[in-house]
C-alpha atoms as a PDB file:
ATOM      1  CA  MET A   1       0.020  -0.026  -0.076  1.00  0.00           C
ATOM      2  CA  ASN A   2       1.063   3.549  -0.701  1.00  0.00           C
ATOM      3  CA  GLY A   3      -0.378   5.090   2.461  1.00  0.00           C
ATOM      4  CA  LEU A   4      -2.295   4.327   5.794  1.00  0.00           C
ATOM      5  CA  THR A   5      -5.908   5.404   4.577  1.00  0.00           C
ATOM      6  CA  VAL A   6      -8.334   4.301   1.869  1.00  0.00           C
ATOM      7  CA  ARG A   7     -11.711   5.582   1.321  1.00  0.00           C
ATOM      8  CA  THR A   8     -14.320   3.322   0.172  1.00  0.00           C
ATOM      9  CA  PHE A   9     -18.340   3.157   0.132  1.00  0.00           C
ATOM     10  CA  LEU A  10     -20.024  -0.150   1.671  1.00  0.00           C
ATOM     11  CA  SER A  11     -23.575   0.832   0.514  1.00  0.00           C
ATOM     12  CA  ALA A  12     -25.198   1.899  -2.555  1.00  0.00           C
ATOM     13  CA  ASN A  13     -28.073   4.123  -3.649  1.00  0.00           C
ATOM     14  CA  SER A  14     -28.881   1.525  -6.594  1.00  0.00           C
ATOM     15  CA  ALA A  15     -31.346   0.707  -9.139  1.00  0.00           C
ATOM     16  CA  GLU A  16     -32.307  -2.094  -6.584  1.00  0.00           C
ATOM     17  CA  GLY A  17     -33.000   0.497  -3.704  1.00  0.00           C
ATOM     18  CA  PHE A  18     -30.557   0.629  -0.858  1.00  0.00           C
ATOM     19  CA  PHE A  19     -27.817  -1.957  -1.354  1.00  0.00           C
ATOM     20  CA  SER A  20     -24.903  -2.976   1.259  1.00  0.00           C
ATOM     21  CA  PHE A  21     -22.040  -5.012   2.029  1.00  0.00           C
ATOM     22  CA  PHE A  22     -22.035  -4.724   5.604  1.00  0.00           C
ATOM     23  CA  ASP A  23     -22.809  -8.245   6.374  1.00  0.00           C
ATOM     24  CA  GLU A  24     -19.576  -9.702   4.460  1.00  0.00           C
ATOM     25  CA  PHE A  25     -17.710  -6.453   5.693  1.00  0.00           C
ATOM     26  CA  LEU A  26     -18.370  -7.596   9.597  1.00  0.00           C
ATOM     27  CA  LYS A  27     -17.556 -11.145   9.452  1.00  0.00           C
ATOM     28  CA  GLY A  28     -14.624 -12.257  11.731  1.00  0.00           C
ATOM     29  CA  LYS A  29     -13.966  -8.370  12.952  1.00  0.00           C
ATOM     30  CA  ASN A  30     -14.308  -7.172  16.469  1.00  0.00           C
ATOM     31  CA  THR A  31     -17.313  -5.066  15.818  1.00  0.00           C
ATOM     32  CA  TYR A  32     -18.804  -1.876  17.601  1.00  0.00           C
ATOM     33  CA  ILE A  33     -22.093  -0.737  16.239  1.00  0.00           C
ATOM     34  CA  ILE A  34     -22.929   2.691  17.142  1.00  0.00           C
ATOM     35  CA  LYS A  35     -26.539   3.428  18.023  1.00  0.00           C
ATOM     36  CA  GLY A  36     -28.409   6.848  18.265  1.00  0.00           C
ATOM     37  CA  GLY A  37     -30.680   9.317  16.369  1.00  0.00           C
ATOM     38  CA  PRO A  38     -29.686  11.590  13.482  1.00  0.00           C
ATOM     39  CA  GLY A  39     -27.083  14.231  14.556  1.00  0.00           C
ATOM     40  CA  THR A  40     -26.020  12.573  17.797  1.00  0.00           C
ATOM     41  CA  GLY A  41     -22.532  12.327  16.616  1.00  0.00           C
ATOM     42  CA  LYS A  42     -22.221   8.944  15.257  1.00  0.00           C
ATOM     43  CA  SER A  43     -19.877  10.012  12.475  1.00  0.00           C
ATOM     44  CA  THR A  44     -17.601  12.292  14.742  1.00  0.00           C
ATOM     45  CA  PHE A  45     -17.167   9.335  17.037  1.00  0.00           C
ATOM     46  CA  MET A  46     -15.789   7.274  14.140  1.00  0.00           C
ATOM     47  CA  LYS A  47     -13.876   9.983  12.808  1.00  0.00           C
ATOM     48  CA  LYS A  48     -11.742  10.271  15.950  1.00  0.00           C
ATOM     49  CA  VAL A  49     -11.253   6.839  16.592  1.00  0.00           C
ATOM     50  CA  ALA A  50      -9.820   6.740  12.961  1.00  0.00           C
ATOM     51  CA  SER A  51      -7.378   9.616  13.275  1.00  0.00           C
ATOM     52  CA  SER A  52      -6.257   8.486  16.467  1.00  0.00           C
ATOM     53  CA  ALA A  53      -5.554   4.832  14.978  1.00  0.00           C
ATOM     54  CA  VAL A  54      -3.787   6.785  11.800  1.00  0.00           C
ATOM     55  CA  SER A  55      -1.762   8.795  14.072  1.00  0.00           C
ATOM     56  CA  LYS A  56      -0.344   5.600  15.621  1.00  0.00           C
ATOM     57  CA  GLY A  57       0.489   3.911  12.181  1.00  0.00           C
ATOM     58  CA  ASP A  58      -2.710   1.714  11.863  1.00  0.00           C
ATOM     59  CA  VAL A  59      -3.884   1.187   8.206  1.00  0.00           C
ATOM     60  CA  THR A  60      -7.393   2.581   8.552  1.00  0.00           C
ATOM     61  CA  GLU A  61     -10.435   2.183   5.892  1.00  0.00           C
ATOM     62  CA  TYR A  62     -12.916   5.299   6.080  1.00  0.00           C
ATOM     63  CA  VAL A  63     -16.309   3.949   4.973  1.00  0.00           C
ATOM     64  CA  TYR A  64     -18.263   6.850   3.859  1.00  0.00           C
ATOM     65  CA  CYS A  65     -22.203   7.361   3.540  1.00  0.00           C
ATOM     66  CA  SER A  66     -23.327   7.527   0.019  1.00  0.00           C
ATOM     67  CA  SER A  67     -26.413   9.658   1.142  1.00  0.00           C
ATOM     68  CA  ASP A  68     -23.991  11.906   3.106  1.00  0.00           C
ATOM     69  CA  PRO A  69     -20.741  11.687   1.703  1.00  0.00           C
ATOM     70  CA  GLY A  70     -19.280  14.088   4.416  1.00  0.00           C
ATOM     71  CA  SER A  71     -20.113  11.509   7.083  1.00  0.00           C
ATOM     72  CA  LEU A  72     -19.172   8.233   7.792  1.00  0.00           C
ATOM     73  CA  ASP A  73     -20.860   4.834   7.850  1.00  0.00           C
ATOM     74  CA  GLY A  74     -17.836   3.157   9.454  1.00  0.00           C
ATOM     75  CA  VAL A  75     -14.008   2.825   9.946  1.00  0.00           C
ATOM     76  CA  TYR A  76     -11.941  -0.449   9.785  1.00  0.00           C
ATOM     77  CA  ILE A  77      -8.654  -0.704  11.730  1.00  0.00           C
ATOM     78  CA  HIS A  78      -6.995  -3.201   9.886  1.00  0.00           C
ATOM     79  CA  GLY A  79      -4.125  -4.108  12.656  1.00  0.00           C
ATOM     80  CA  SER A  80      -6.761  -4.914  15.364  1.00  0.00           C
ATOM     81  CA  GLU A  81      -9.122  -6.384  13.067  1.00  0.00           C
ATOM     82  CA  THR A  82     -11.528  -3.463  14.507  1.00  0.00           C
ATOM     83  CA  VAL A  83     -14.748  -2.016  12.900  1.00  0.00           C
ATOM     84  CA  PHE A  84     -16.668   0.729  14.355  1.00  0.00           C
ATOM     85  CA  THR A  85     -19.810   1.373  12.414  1.00  0.00           C
ATOM     86  CA  ASP A  86     -23.228   3.230  12.309  1.00  0.00           C
ATOM     87  CA  GLY A  87     -25.860   0.641  13.106  1.00  0.00           C
ATOM     88  CA  THR A  88     -29.030   2.601  12.259  1.00  0.00           C
ATOM     89  CA  SER A  89     -31.464   2.543   9.438  1.00  0.00           C
ATOM     90  CA  PRO A  90     -30.875   1.840   6.566  1.00  0.00           C
ATOM     91  CA  HIS A  91     -28.429  -0.678   7.859  1.00  0.00           C
ATOM     92  CA  VAL A  92     -29.508  -1.747  10.828  1.00  0.00           C
ATOM     93  CA  MET A  93     -27.129  -4.340  12.614  1.00  0.00           C
ATOM     94  CA  GLU A  94     -26.716  -6.009  15.671  1.00  0.00           C
ATOM     95  CA  PRO A  95     -23.031  -7.555  17.118  1.00  0.00           C
ATOM     96  CA  LYS A  96     -22.809 -11.276  16.466  1.00  0.00           C
ATOM     97  CA  TYR A  97     -20.690 -11.831  19.512  1.00  0.00           C
ATOM     98  CA  PRO A  98     -21.360  -8.822  22.087  1.00  0.00           C
ATOM     99  CA  GLY A  99     -19.087  -8.702  24.810  1.00  0.00           C
ATOM    100  CA  ALA A 100     -16.587 -11.318  23.040  1.00  0.00           C
ATOM    101  CA  MET A 101     -16.150  -9.517  19.980  1.00  0.00           C
ATOM    102  CA  GLY A 102     -16.965  -5.985  20.256  1.00  0.00           C
ATOM    103  CA  GLY A 103     -20.629  -4.652  21.282  1.00  0.00           C
ATOM    104  CA  ILE A 104     -23.013  -1.889  21.109  1.00  0.00           C
ATOM    105  CA  ILE A 105     -22.177   2.086  21.527  1.00  0.00           C
ATOM    106  CA  ASN A 106     -25.304   3.734  22.764  1.00  0.00           C
ATOM    107  CA  VAL A 107     -24.591   7.563  21.903  1.00  0.00           C
ATOM    108  CA  GLY A 108     -28.346   8.083  22.449  1.00  0.00           C
ATOM    109  CA  GLN A 109     -27.780   8.171  26.176  1.00  0.00           C
ATOM    110  CA  PHE A 110     -26.709  11.341  25.753  1.00  0.00           C
ATOM    111  CA  LEU A 111     -30.044  12.895  24.380  1.00  0.00           C
ATOM    112  CA  ASN A 112     -32.598  14.770  26.197  1.00  0.00           C
ATOM    113  CA  SER A 113     -35.714  12.762  25.492  1.00  0.00           C
ATOM    114  CA  GLU A 114     -38.187  15.328  27.050  1.00  0.00           C
ATOM    115  CA  LYS A 115     -37.025  17.951  24.763  1.00  0.00           C
ATOM    116  CA  LEU A 116     -36.980  15.822  21.645  1.00  0.00           C
ATOM    117  CA  SER A 117     -40.734  14.939  22.652  1.00  0.00           C
ATOM    118  CA  LEU A 118     -41.771  18.526  22.490  1.00  0.00           C
ATOM    119  CA  SER A 119     -40.653  18.148  18.595  1.00  0.00           C
ATOM    120  CA  LYS A 120     -42.276  14.644  18.117  1.00  0.00           C
ATOM    121  CA  SER A 121     -44.639  15.830  15.333  1.00  0.00           C
ATOM    122  CA  ASP A 122     -41.592  17.419  13.355  1.00  0.00           C
ATOM    123  CA  ILE A 123     -39.671  14.393  13.593  1.00  0.00           C
ATOM    124  CA  ILE A 124     -42.267  12.302  12.624  1.00  0.00           C
ATOM    125  CA  SER A 125     -43.054  14.640   9.405  1.00  0.00           C
ATOM    126  CA  LEU A 126     -39.382  14.912   8.321  1.00  0.00           C
ATOM    127  CA  SER A 127     -38.841  11.132   8.538  1.00  0.00           C
ATOM    128  CA  ARG A 128     -41.678  10.359   6.327  1.00  0.00           C
ATOM    129  CA  LYS A 129     -40.654  13.066   3.806  1.00  0.00           C
ATOM    130  CA  ILE A 130     -37.201  11.803   3.818  1.00  0.00           C
ATOM    131  CA  SER A 131     -38.510   8.118   2.771  1.00  0.00           C
ATOM    132  CA  ASP A 132     -40.563   9.772  -0.002  1.00  0.00           C
ATOM    133  CA  SER A 133     -37.441  11.561  -1.324  1.00  0.00           C
ATOM    134  CA  TYR A 134     -35.619   8.193  -1.519  1.00  0.00           C
ATOM    135  CA  SER A 135     -38.303   6.105  -2.947  1.00  0.00           C
ATOM    136  CA  ARG A 136     -38.614   8.719  -5.536  1.00  0.00           C
ATOM    137  CA  ALA A 137     -34.804   8.339  -6.304  1.00  0.00           C
ATOM    138  CA  TYR A 138     -34.952   4.659  -6.445  1.00  0.00           C
ATOM    139  CA  ARG A 139     -37.638   4.950  -9.218  1.00  0.00           C
ATOM    140  CA  TYR A 140     -35.303   7.065 -11.231  1.00  0.00           C
ATOM    141  CA  LEU A 141     -32.261   5.053 -10.736  1.00  0.00           C
ATOM    142  CA  LYS A 142     -34.469   2.098 -11.820  1.00  0.00           C
ATOM    143  CA  ALA A 143     -35.420   3.874 -15.142  1.00  0.00           C
ATOM    144  CA  ALA A 144     -31.888   4.829 -15.522  1.00  0.00           C
ATOM    145  CA  GLN A 145     -30.604   1.238 -15.128  1.00  0.00           C
ATOM    146  CA  CYS A 146     -33.096   0.374 -18.089  1.00  0.00           C
ATOM    147  CA  ALA A 147     -31.603   2.938 -20.141  1.00  0.00           C
ATOM    148  CA  VAL A 148     -28.094   1.705 -19.307  1.00  0.00           C
ATOM    149  CA  SER A 149     -29.178  -1.803 -19.934  1.00  0.00           C
ATOM    150  CA  ASP A 150     -30.575  -1.098 -23.327  1.00  0.00           C
ATOM    151  CA  LEU A 151     -27.395   0.750 -24.272  1.00  0.00           C
ATOM    152  CA  ARG A 152     -25.336  -2.501 -23.300  1.00  0.00           C
ATOM    153  CA  GLU A 153     -27.637  -4.763 -24.797  1.00  0.00           C
ATOM    154  CA  THR A 154     -27.314  -2.846 -28.180  1.00  0.00           C
ATOM    155  CA  ALA A 155     -23.453  -3.166 -27.993  1.00  0.00           C
ATOM    156  CA  LEU A 156     -23.297  -6.732 -26.909  1.00  0.00           C
ATOM    157  CA  ARG A 157     -24.761  -7.537 -30.415  1.00  0.00           C
ATOM    158  CA  TYR A 158     -21.868  -5.941 -32.216  1.00  0.00           C
ATOM    159  CA  LEU A 159     -19.248  -7.111 -29.881  1.00  0.00           C
ATOM    160  CA  ASP A 160     -16.772 -10.057 -30.393  1.00  0.00           C
ATOM    161  CA  LYS A 161     -16.770 -11.446 -27.361  1.00  0.00           C
ATOM    162  CA  ASP A 162     -14.106 -13.965 -27.930  1.00  0.00           C
ATOM    163  CA  GLU A 163     -11.628 -11.777 -29.165  1.00  0.00           C
ATOM    164  CA  MET A 164     -12.099  -9.384 -26.049  1.00  0.00           C
ATOM    165  CA  MET A 165     -11.848 -12.550 -23.826  1.00  0.00           C
ATOM    166  CA  GLN A 166      -8.804 -13.682 -25.448  1.00  0.00           C
ATOM    167  CA  TYR A 167      -6.901 -10.273 -24.938  1.00  0.00           C
ATOM    168  CA  PHE A 168      -7.755 -10.579 -21.178  1.00  0.00           C
ATOM    169  CA  LYS A 169      -6.634 -13.919 -20.832  1.00  0.00           C
ATOM    170  CA  THR A 170      -3.313 -12.887 -22.242  1.00  0.00           C
ATOM    171  CA  VAL A 171      -3.199 -10.108 -19.982  1.00  0.00           C
ATOM    172  CA  SER A 172      -3.777 -12.310 -16.976  1.00  0.00           C
ATOM    173  CA  GLU A 173      -1.352 -14.980 -18.096  1.00  0.00           C
ATOM    174  CA  LYS A 174       1.540 -12.149 -18.008  1.00  0.00           C
ATOM    175  CA  ARG A 175       0.240 -10.747 -14.657  1.00  0.00           C
ATOM    176  CA  PHE A 176      -0.674 -13.563 -12.721  1.00  0.00           C
ATOM    177  CA  ALA A 177       2.281 -15.668 -13.832  1.00  0.00           C
ATOM    178  CA  TYR A 178       2.963 -17.622 -10.515  1.00  0.00           C
ATOM    179  CA  LYS A 179       0.424 -18.974  -7.818  1.00  0.00           C
ATOM    180  CA  LYS A 180       0.858 -18.315  -4.285  1.00  0.00           C
ATOM    181  CA  GLY A 181      -1.058 -21.513  -3.133  1.00  0.00           C
ATOM    182  CA  GLU A 182      -4.692 -21.571  -1.421  1.00  0.00           C
ATOM    183  CA  LYS A 183      -7.204 -19.376  -3.141  1.00  0.00           C
ATOM    184  CA  GLY A 184      -7.346 -15.694  -2.724  1.00  0.00           C
ATOM    185  CA  LYS A 185     -10.272 -13.802  -0.599  1.00  0.00           C
ATOM    186  CA  ILE A 186     -12.692 -11.316  -2.035  1.00  0.00           C
ATOM    187  CA  PHE A 187     -13.214  -7.875  -0.765  1.00  0.00           C
ATOM    188  CA  PRO A 188     -16.409  -6.497  -1.893  1.00  0.00           C
ATOM    189  CA  ARG A 189     -16.598  -2.655  -1.945  1.00  0.00           C
ATOM    190  CA  PHE A 190     -17.906   0.388  -3.894  1.00  0.00           C
ATOM    191  CA  LEU A 191     -15.318   2.763  -5.290  1.00  0.00           C
ATOM    192  CA  SER A 192     -18.150   4.949  -6.289  1.00  0.00           C
ATOM    193  CA  GLY A 193     -21.318   6.249  -4.985  1.00  0.00           C
ATOM    194  CA  ILE A 194     -24.457   7.981  -6.360  1.00  0.00           C
ATOM    195  CA  THR A 195     -24.902  10.928  -3.803  1.00  0.00           C
ATOM    196  CA  PRO A 196     -26.531  14.176  -3.438  1.00  0.00           C
ATOM    197  CA  LYS A 197     -23.260  15.551  -4.928  1.00  0.00           C
ATOM    198  CA  GLY A 198     -23.547  13.691  -7.945  1.00  0.00           C
ATOM    199  CA  PHE A 199     -21.613  10.640  -9.030  1.00  0.00           C
ATOM    200  CA  MET A 200     -18.545  10.634  -6.683  1.00  0.00           C
ATOM    201  CA  THR A 201     -15.661   8.260  -7.048  1.00  0.00           C
ATOM    202  CA  PHE A 202     -12.647   7.687  -4.390  1.00  0.00           C
ATOM    203  CA  LYS A 203      -9.897   7.399  -7.332  1.00  0.00           C
ATOM    204  CA  ASP A 204      -7.440   8.122  -4.610  1.00  0.00           C
ATOM    205  CA  THR A 205      -8.152   4.692  -3.067  1.00  0.00           C
ATOM    206  CA  VAL A 206      -6.912   2.918  -6.253  1.00  0.00           C
ATOM    207  CA  TYR A 207      -3.567   4.468  -6.013  1.00  0.00           C
ATOM    208  CA  THR A 208      -3.195   3.963  -2.531  1.00  0.00           C
ATOM    209  CA  LEU A 209      -3.675   0.473  -2.803  1.00  0.00           C
ATOM    210  CA  CYS A 210      -1.661  -0.067  -6.155  1.00  0.00           C
ATOM    211  CA  SER A 211       0.832   1.853  -8.059  1.00  0.00           C
ATOM    212  CA  GLU A 212       0.069   0.325 -11.400  1.00  0.00           C
ATOM    213  CA  VAL A 213      -3.274   1.180 -12.718  1.00  0.00           C
ATOM    214  CA  PHE A 214      -4.658  -0.840 -16.141  1.00  0.00           C
ATOM    215  CA  VAL A 215      -7.338   1.495 -17.759  1.00  0.00           C
ATOM    216  CA  VAL A 216     -10.142  -0.295 -19.666  1.00  0.00           C
ATOM    217  CA  ARG A 217     -12.354   2.392 -21.502  1.00  0.00           C
ATOM    218  CA  ASP A 218     -15.747   0.810 -21.724  1.00  0.00           C
ATOM    219  CA  LYS A 219     -18.236   3.407 -23.554  1.00  0.00           C
ATOM    220  CA  TYR A 220     -21.189   0.931 -23.474  1.00  0.00           C
ATOM    221  CA  GLY A 221     -20.509  -0.945 -20.100  1.00  0.00           C
ATOM    222  CA  ILE A 222     -19.689  -4.265 -22.047  1.00  0.00           C
ATOM    223  CA  GLY A 223     -16.543  -4.926 -19.862  1.00  0.00           C
ATOM    224  CA  GLY A 224     -18.352  -7.078 -17.111  1.00  0.00           C
ATOM    225  CA  LYS A 225     -17.362 -10.302 -17.945  1.00  0.00           C
ATOM    226  CA  ALA A 226     -13.860  -9.212 -18.533  1.00  0.00           C
ATOM    227  CA  PHE A 227     -13.508  -8.022 -15.020  1.00  0.00           C
ATOM    228  CA  GLU A 228     -15.172 -11.204 -13.561  1.00  0.00           C
ATOM    229  CA  PHE A 229     -12.707 -13.304 -15.573  1.00  0.00           C
ATOM    230  CA  LEU A 230      -9.579 -11.086 -14.240  1.00  0.00           C
ATOM    231  CA  LYS A 231     -10.942 -11.308 -10.489  1.00  0.00           C
ATOM    232  CA  ASN A 232     -11.444 -15.216 -10.627  1.00  0.00           C
ATOM    233  CA  ALA A 233      -8.053 -15.277 -12.189  1.00  0.00           C
ATOM    234  CA  ALA A 234      -6.352 -13.766  -9.582  1.00  0.00           C
ATOM    235  CA  ILE A 235      -8.056 -15.522  -6.682  1.00  0.00           C
ATOM    236  CA  SER A 236      -7.159 -18.820  -8.312  1.00  0.00           C
ATOM    237  CA  HIS A 237      -3.767 -17.785  -8.189  1.00  0.00           C
ATOM    238  CA  GLY A 238      -3.991 -17.077  -4.612  1.00  0.00           C
ATOM    239  CA  PHE A 239      -4.300 -13.307  -4.583  1.00  0.00           C
ATOM    240  CA  ASP A 240      -6.701 -11.139  -2.438  1.00  0.00           C
ATOM    241  CA  VAL A 241      -8.701  -9.065  -4.705  1.00  0.00           C
ATOM    242  CA  TYR A 242     -10.586  -5.597  -3.817  1.00  0.00           C
ATOM    243  CA  GLU A 243     -13.661  -6.027  -5.940  1.00  0.00           C
ATOM    244  CA  PHE A 244     -15.620  -2.460  -6.790  1.00  0.00           C
ATOM    245  CA  ARG A 245     -19.024  -2.903  -7.817  1.00  0.00           C
ATOM    246  CA  SER A 246     -21.277  -0.414  -9.846  1.00  0.00           C
ATOM    247  CA  PRO A 247     -23.497   1.622  -7.370  1.00  0.00           C
ATOM    248  CA  LEU A 248     -26.129   1.614 -10.168  1.00  0.00           C
ATOM    249  CA  GLU A 249     -25.860  -2.067 -10.829  1.00  0.00           C
ATOM    250  CA  PRO A 250     -24.447  -3.814  -7.620  1.00  0.00           C
ATOM    251  CA  CYS A 251     -24.322  -7.223  -9.597  1.00  0.00           C
ATOM    252  CA  ARG A 252     -21.707  -5.762 -12.068  1.00  0.00           C
ATOM    253  CA  ILE A 253     -17.947  -5.453 -11.124  1.00  0.00           C
ATOM    254  CA  VAL A 254     -16.328  -2.194 -12.585  1.00  0.00           C
ATOM    255  CA  HIS A 255     -12.908  -2.135 -10.939  1.00  0.00           C
ATOM    256  CA  ILE A 256     -10.488  -4.552  -9.048  1.00  0.00           C
ATOM    257  CA  ALA A 257      -7.347  -4.093  -7.161  1.00  0.00           C
ATOM    258  CA  ILE A 258      -4.704  -6.507  -6.386  1.00  0.00           C
ATOM    259  CA  PRO A 259      -2.341  -4.940  -3.739  1.00  0.00           C
ATOM    260  CA  GLU A 260       0.085  -8.097  -3.456  1.00  0.00           C
ATOM    261  CA  LEU A 261       0.641  -7.455  -7.121  1.00  0.00           C
ATOM    262  CA  ASP A 262       0.662  -3.696  -6.731  1.00  0.00           C
ATOM    263  CA  ILE A 263      -1.957  -3.594  -9.995  1.00  0.00           C
ATOM    264  CA  ALA A 264      -5.385  -2.452 -10.336  1.00  0.00           C
ATOM    265  CA  PHE A 265      -7.661  -2.694 -13.375  1.00  0.00           C
ATOM    266  CA  VAL A 266     -10.102   0.197 -13.437  1.00  0.00           C
ATOM    267  CA  THR A 267     -13.267   0.980 -15.981  1.00  0.00           C
ATOM    268  CA  SER A 268     -13.256   4.622 -17.573  1.00  0.00           C
ATOM    269  CA  ASP A 269     -16.609   5.373 -18.747  1.00  0.00           C
ATOM    270  CA  LYS A 270     -19.447   8.174 -18.737  1.00  0.00           C
ATOM    271  CA  PHE A 271     -19.472   8.162 -14.966  1.00  0.00           C
ATOM    272  CA  THR A 272     -15.741   7.961 -13.920  1.00  0.00           C
ATOM    273  CA  GLN A 273     -12.842   9.028 -15.989  1.00  0.00           C
ATOM    274  CA  PHE A 274      -9.246   7.802 -15.206  1.00  0.00           C
ATOM    275  CA  GLU A 275      -6.497   9.139 -16.974  1.00  0.00           C
ATOM    276  CA  PRO A 276      -3.158   7.848 -15.044  1.00  0.00           C
ATOM    277  CA  GLN A 277       0.008   8.801 -16.555  1.00  0.00           C
ATOM    278  CA  ASN A 278       2.179   6.041 -18.296  1.00  0.00           C
ATOM    279  CA  ALA A 279      -0.755   3.685 -17.748  1.00  0.00           C
ATOM    280  CA  LYS A 280      -1.711   0.537 -19.639  1.00  0.00           C
ATOM    281  CA  THR A 281      -4.716   1.244 -21.552  1.00  0.00           C
ATOM    282  CA  VAL A 282      -7.294  -0.771 -23.749  1.00  0.00           C
ATOM    283  CA  ASN A 283     -10.452   0.716 -25.633  1.00  0.00           C
ATOM    284  CA  LEU A 284     -13.114  -2.002 -25.815  1.00  0.00           C
ATOM    285  CA  MET A 285     -14.437  -0.285 -28.947  1.00  0.00           C
ATOM    286  CA  ARG A 286     -11.438  -2.321 -30.673  1.00  0.00           C
ATOM    287  CA  PHE A 287     -13.584  -5.357 -30.186  1.00  0.00           C
ATOM    288  CA  VAL A 288     -16.887  -3.610 -31.496  1.00  0.00           C
ATOM    289  CA  SER A 289     -17.845  -3.822 -35.236  1.00  0.00           C
ATOM    290  CA  ASP A 290     -18.205  -0.696 -37.044  1.00  0.00           C
ATOM    291  CA  ASP A 291     -21.564  -1.581 -37.749  1.00  0.00           C
ATOM    292  CA  ILE A 292     -22.819  -0.283 -34.253  1.00  0.00           C
ATOM    293  CA  ASP A 293     -23.155   2.909 -35.964  1.00  0.00           C
ATOM    294  CA  LEU A 294     -26.089   1.904 -37.541  1.00  0.00           C
ATOM    295  CA  GLU A 295     -27.681   2.112 -34.030  1.00  0.00           C
ATOM    296  CA  GLY A 296     -26.791   5.477 -33.356  1.00  0.00           C
ATOM    297  CA  LYS A 297     -30.377   6.782 -32.879  1.00  0.00           C
ATOM    298  CA  THR A 298     -30.895   4.174 -30.282  1.00  0.00           C
ATOM    299  CA  CYS A 299     -27.845   4.725 -28.399  1.00  0.00           C
ATOM    300  CA  VAL A 300     -28.163   8.508 -28.468  1.00  0.00           C
ATOM    301  CA  SER A 301     -31.902   8.081 -26.830  1.00  0.00           C
ATOM    302  CA  ALA A 302     -30.611   5.785 -24.249  1.00  0.00           C
ATOM    303  CA  SER A 303     -27.888   8.096 -23.446  1.00  0.00           C
ATOM    304  CA  LYS A 304     -30.226  10.905 -22.832  1.00  0.00           C
ATOM    305  CA  ILE A 305     -32.807   9.105 -21.091  1.00  0.00           C
ATOM    306  CA  MET A 306     -30.088   7.746 -18.557  1.00  0.00           C
ATOM    307  CA  LYS A 307     -28.911  11.440 -18.084  1.00  0.00           C
ATOM    308  CA  ILE A 308     -32.393  12.769 -17.353  1.00  0.00           C
ATOM    309  CA  CYS A 309     -32.957   9.944 -14.920  1.00  0.00           C
ATOM    310  CA  MET A 310     -29.607  10.510 -13.168  1.00  0.00           C
ATOM    311  CA  ASN A 311     -30.335  14.175 -12.710  1.00  0.00           C
ATOM    312  CA  GLU A 312     -33.644  13.399 -11.145  1.00  0.00           C
ATOM    313  CA  THR A 313     -32.153  11.131  -8.828  1.00  0.00           C
ATOM    314  CA  PHE A 314     -29.546  13.760  -7.488  1.00  0.00           C
ATOM    315  CA  GLU A 315     -32.310  16.026  -7.077  1.00  0.00           C
ATOM    316  CA  SER A 316     -34.225  13.671  -5.089  1.00  0.00           C
ATOM    317  CA  LEU A 317     -30.973  12.892  -2.951  1.00  0.00           C
ATOM    318  CA  ARG A 318     -30.147  16.373  -2.382  1.00  0.00           C
ATOM    319  CA  SER A 319     -34.035  16.847  -1.041  1.00  0.00           C
ATOM    320  CA  ALA A 320     -33.410  14.044   1.305  1.00  0.00           C
ATOM    321  CA  LYS A 321     -30.288  15.342   2.476  1.00  0.00           C
ATOM    322  CA  ALA A 322     -31.758  18.955   3.029  1.00  0.00           C
ATOM    323  CA  LEU A 323     -34.553  17.436   5.423  1.00  0.00           C
ATOM    324  CA  HIS A 324     -32.173  15.026   6.884  1.00  0.00           C
ATOM    325  CA  ASP A 325     -30.064  18.054   8.062  1.00  0.00           C
ATOM    326  CA  ASP A 326     -33.279  19.532   9.597  1.00  0.00           C
ATOM    327  CA  LEU A 327     -34.081  16.580  11.157  1.00  0.00           C
ATOM    328  CA  GLU A 328     -30.195  16.514  12.665  1.00  0.00           C
ATOM    329  CA  ASP A 329     -30.825  19.919  13.900  1.00  0.00           C
ATOM    330  CA  ILE A 330     -33.490  18.759  16.350  1.00  0.00           C
ATOM    331  CA  TYR A 331     -31.322  16.146  17.797  1.00  0.00           C
ATOM    332  CA  ILE A 332     -28.568  18.257  18.028  1.00  0.00           C
ATOM    333  CA  ALA A 333     -30.232  20.702  20.202  1.00  0.00           C
ATOM    334  CA  ALA A 334     -31.247  17.914  22.509  1.00  0.00           C
ATOM    335  CA  MET A 335     -27.751  16.481  22.435  1.00  0.00           C
ATOM    336  CA  ASP A 336     -25.060  16.434  25.522  1.00  0.00           C
ATOM    337  CA  PHE A 337     -21.879  16.514  23.639  1.00  0.00           C
ATOM    338  CA  ALA A 338     -19.565  16.939  26.668  1.00  0.00           C
ATOM    339  CA  GLY A 339     -20.591  13.448  27.480  1.00  0.00           C
ATOM    340  CA  LEU A 340     -19.921  12.242  23.967  1.00  0.00           C
ATOM    341  CA  ASP A 341     -16.558  13.517  24.087  1.00  0.00           C
ATOM    342  CA  LYS A 342     -15.597  11.638  27.203  1.00  0.00           C
ATOM    343  CA  LEU A 343     -17.142   8.366  25.768  1.00  0.00           C
ATOM    344  CA  ILE A 344     -14.997   8.740  22.615  1.00  0.00           C
ATOM    345  CA  GLU A 345     -11.873   9.237  24.789  1.00  0.00           C
ATOM    346  CA  LYS A 346     -12.621   6.033  26.357  1.00  0.00           C
ATOM    347  CA  TYR A 347     -12.553   4.028  23.362  1.00  0.00           C
ATOM    348  CA  ILE A 348      -9.737   5.785  21.875  1.00  0.00           C
END
């Protein structure tokens, strides 16, 4: 690794609704699940713990919230195999082995319930409006995914699949030339998020994990099988793989990183552009017949629909974020942060 910190998402606003990898992420780790209302300092708690770990030289993963990319959903301190995570909706969690491997941290103990009860109707109303905004966002994401799928299916009719896969087979034979032994592990994550700030990608994480970046230019989203092949080739040779999925379509791999080999394979497309210097690059259009030009009108229409739907999604997420900020303000006014600070110091 080229640093002590990496940034990822574990959950996504997707065409399938809310989607997360939290269950896989927590397996085998000491897990502290933080409970409390909005604005009660859960993210601040995790940021301070993470900052302390990094200052001591611990490799630490910052897991950000796709609905509020300024806030954390979790932190993972690699050296002690310890996770601190937000365990409130929409990723409600409970510790698997409380007391033995972590437990619950209740920051809600510092809330003034009497003060909150005076704002009960506002809390209920804001919560319902937030839910409605997310429902609207997910409807538009589903529509956007249909347009993306139509574009991909059109392109696949003109793709020479055998030629493309032979190319990546040759790449894998050169890059994964030896075997370590037992099968490698897969770490599923999202490198990108569909957020109130638009489509965000933590490109720095790729360069922290690996020095060499192999760029796959994919105009039509047709590289899924190639990335599946590269992932399987790497783990079959015994190498652990960070598998980064598409936040729109969580079933699709769009990037992989193999820290032990110091190489990452990334997709450069309409959502995220990668332009690293001195990088090996392949444009998947080399495997697509020029006859695809006959589908110009179809492709342009699908792209327009996708863009409109994504913009409506971002607008709905911004509305949800603004409403959530109002909800946080109510809780912040009822919170004893001095008590919280003492609790944070205890865990640090």
